[in-house]
Amino acid sequence: MKTAKKIIFWVLVAFALIQFIPIDRVNKAVDSKVNFVQVKNTPEKVSTLLKNACYDCHSNETIYPKYAFIAPISWSVKSHVNEGRQHLNFSIWGTYNKELKENMLDRSIEALKHKTMPFPGYIVYHKEANLSEAERTLLIQYFEEMLKSKTY
């Protein structure tokens, strides 16, 4: 019994100490001249869907939920955000070259069709990101039209 209490004590001490490991949650400033929704003059419905389902991981406009301030969960959240921004960052859309934009639009369409995005684990805690079939179709059509008309 004494050993179990010691183990629990040290686990709690370690949990308390890891809370002091800093995580950078500061979003970079968003320049409207390169931000996707402004550059593309995105329709309000599409813009709302993107902001609800995509922007937390794929932009510099991340809104960190309360659980993202508790280690070790905060480490995972920050890792997902960093990875999402590496694949596609709507906040810097205007800085991407033509090939990157085409590739990102193609991958976004595939992710929407195969329901791999929004990330299933994200949807559990963010109900507004759970896209209906009609909403997925709207985003897919919007991206496909951009590709077809080469207006990216």
Protein backbone atom coordinates (compact mmCIF):
# COMPACT_ATOMS: atom_id res chain seq x y z
CA MET A 1 0.00 0.00 0.00
CA LYS A 2 2.86 2.37 0.82
CA THR A 3 4.40 1.76 -2.60
CA ALA A 4 1.14 2.55 -4.38
CA LYS A 5 0.82 5.84 -2.49
CA LYS A 6 4.39 6.79 -3.39
CA ILE A 7 3.77 6.00 -7.05
CA ILE A 8 0.57 8.07 -7.08
CA PHE A 9 2.35 10.93 -5.31
CA TRP A 10 5.22 11.02 -7.84
CA VAL A 11 2.86 10.72 -10.78
CA LEU A 12 0.92 13.73 -9.47
CA VAL A 13 4.17 15.67 -8.91
CA ALA A 14 5.30 14.86 -12.46
CA PHE A 15 1.88 15.89 -13.84
CA ALA A 16 2.09 19.20 -11.96
CA LEU A 17 5.64 19.86 -13.15
CA ILE A 18 4.92 19.22 -16.83
CA GLN A 19 2.34 21.99 -16.70
CA PHE A 20 5.27 24.43 -16.61
CA ILE A 21 6.67 23.30 -19.96
CA PRO A 22 5.80 26.20 -22.25
CA ILE A 23 3.79 25.69 -25.43
CA ASP A 24 3.69 28.51 -27.99
CA ARG A 25 0.02 29.17 -28.75
CA VAL A 26 0.53 32.64 -30.20
CA ASN A 27 -0.97 32.96 -33.67
CA LYS A 28 0.95 34.90 -36.28
CA ALA A 29 -0.78 37.99 -37.59
CA VAL A 30 -3.03 37.33 -40.56
CA ASP A 31 -2.51 39.49 -43.64
CA SER A 32 -5.82 39.86 -45.47
CA LYS A 33 -3.88 40.29 -48.73
CA VAL A 34 -2.85 36.60 -48.63
CA ASN A 35 -5.62 35.03 -46.50
CA PHE A 36 -7.70 32.58 -48.54
CA VAL A 37 -11.19 33.85 -47.70
CA GLN A 38 -10.29 37.45 -48.52
CA VAL A 39 -8.11 36.74 -51.56
CA LYS A 40 -10.72 34.45 -53.11
CA ASN A 41 -13.65 36.60 -51.97
CA THR A 42 -15.09 33.37 -50.63
CA PRO A 43 -18.88 33.18 -50.32
CA GLU A 44 -20.07 33.54 -46.73
CA LYS A 45 -21.41 29.96 -46.47
CA VAL A 46 -18.11 28.46 -47.69
CA SER A 47 -16.12 30.83 -45.50
CA THR A 48 -18.11 29.81 -42.43
CA LEU A 49 -17.61 26.12 -43.18
CA LEU A 50 -13.86 26.61 -43.63
CA LYS A 51 -13.56 28.58 -40.41
CA ASN A 52 -15.62 26.03 -38.44
CA ALA A 53 -14.07 22.87 -39.85
CA CYS A 54 -10.59 23.77 -41.13
CA TYR A 55 -9.14 26.99 -39.77
CA ASP A 56 -8.22 25.75 -36.29
CA CYS A 57 -5.52 23.50 -37.76
CA HIS A 58 -5.02 24.99 -41.20
CA SER A 59 -4.59 28.71 -40.52
CA ASN A 60 -2.98 31.22 -38.20
CA GLU A 61 -6.40 31.81 -36.65
CA THR A 62 -6.38 28.83 -34.31
CA ILE A 63 -8.74 29.08 -31.37
CA TYR A 64 -7.27 26.84 -28.68
CA PRO A 65 -9.88 25.09 -26.52
CA LYS A 66 -9.48 24.89 -22.74
CA TYR A 67 -8.13 21.34 -22.89
CA ALA A 68 -5.25 22.60 -25.04
CA PHE A 69 -3.79 24.25 -21.95
CA ILE A 70 -3.27 21.00 -20.02
CA ALA A 71 -0.09 19.00 -20.61
CA PRO A 72 0.39 16.46 -22.11
CA ILE A 73 -2.78 17.08 -24.16
CA SER A 74 -1.46 20.53 -25.09
CA TRP A 75 1.58 18.92 -26.72
CA SER A 76 -0.61 16.77 -28.94
CA VAL A 77 -2.88 19.68 -29.90
CA LYS A 78 0.07 21.90 -30.79
CA SER A 79 1.65 19.08 -32.79
CA HIS A 80 -1.58 18.61 -34.80
CA VAL A 81 -1.85 22.34 -35.44
CA ASN A 82 1.78 22.56 -36.59
CA GLU A 83 1.32 19.56 -38.87
CA GLY A 84 -1.93 20.94 -40.29
CA ARG A 85 -0.28 24.27 -41.07
CA GLN A 86 2.58 22.49 -42.83
CA HIS A 87 0.14 20.73 -45.16
CA LEU A 88 -2.07 23.76 -45.81
CA ASN A 89 -2.26 27.18 -44.21
CA PHE A 90 -5.20 29.24 -45.46
CA SER A 91 -3.73 32.33 -43.79
CA ILE A 92 -0.82 32.39 -46.23
CA TRP A 93 -2.65 31.12 -49.33
CA GLY A 94 -1.54 34.04 -51.47
CA THR A 95 2.13 33.18 -50.90
CA TYR A 96 1.86 29.69 -52.43
CA ASN A 97 2.85 29.05 -56.03
CA LYS A 98 0.44 27.64 -58.62
CA GLU A 99 1.57 24.02 -58.24
CA LEU A 100 1.24 24.10 -54.46
CA LYS A 101 -2.24 25.58 -54.69
CA GLU A 102 -3.36 22.92 -57.17
CA ASN A 103 -1.93 20.18 -54.99
CA MET A 104 -3.54 21.56 -51.84
CA LEU A 105 -6.92 21.88 -53.52
CA ASP A 106 -6.66 18.31 -54.88
CA ARG A 107 -5.70 16.93 -51.47
CA SER A 108 -8.48 18.91 -49.79
CA ILE A 109 -11.04 17.48 -52.20
CA GLU A 110 -9.79 13.94 -51.57
CA ALA A 111 -9.79 14.45 -47.79
CA LEU A 112 -13.35 15.74 -47.92
CA LYS A 113 -14.53 12.90 -50.17
CA HIS A 114 -12.89 10.22 -48.00
CA LYS A 115 -13.94 11.96 -44.76
CA THR A 116 -10.41 12.02 -43.39
CA MET A 117 -10.80 15.73 -42.73
CA PRO A 118 -11.80 17.28 -40.50
CA PHE A 119 -9.79 14.91 -38.35
CA PRO A 120 -12.28 12.47 -36.74
CA GLY A 121 -10.82 13.05 -33.26
CA TYR A 122 -11.32 16.79 -33.70
CA ILE A 123 -15.00 16.38 -34.52
CA VAL A 124 -15.64 14.67 -31.19
CA TYR A 125 -14.93 17.92 -29.32
CA HIS A 126 -15.96 20.37 -32.05
CA LYS A 127 -19.45 19.53 -33.24
CA GLU A 128 -19.53 22.55 -35.58
CA ALA A 129 -16.74 20.90 -37.59
CA ASN A 130 -18.83 17.79 -38.28
CA LEU A 131 -19.72 18.50 -41.89
CA SER A 132 -22.93 17.17 -43.38
CA GLU A 133 -22.86 15.56 -46.82
CA ALA A 134 -24.31 18.75 -48.30
CA GLU A 135 -21.60 20.87 -46.65
CA ARG A 136 -18.86 18.52 -47.86
CA THR A 137 -20.31 18.66 -51.35
CA LEU A 138 -20.40 22.46 -51.25
CA LEU A 139 -16.72 22.66 -50.28
CA ILE A 140 -15.75 20.04 -52.86
CA GLN A 141 -17.64 21.89 -55.59
CA TYR A 142 -16.05 25.18 -54.57
CA PHE A 143 -12.54 23.73 -54.72
CA GLU A 144 -13.25 21.85 -57.97
CA GLU A 145 -14.54 25.04 -59.59
CA MET A 146 -11.36 26.82 -58.57
CA LEU A 147 -9.29 24.06 -60.17
CA LYS A 148 -11.43 23.96 -63.30
CA SER A 149 -11.33 27.71 -63.83
CA LYS A 150 -7.70 27.96 -62.66
CA THR A 151 -8.68 30.76 -60.28
CA TYR A 152 -6.62 29.79 -57.29
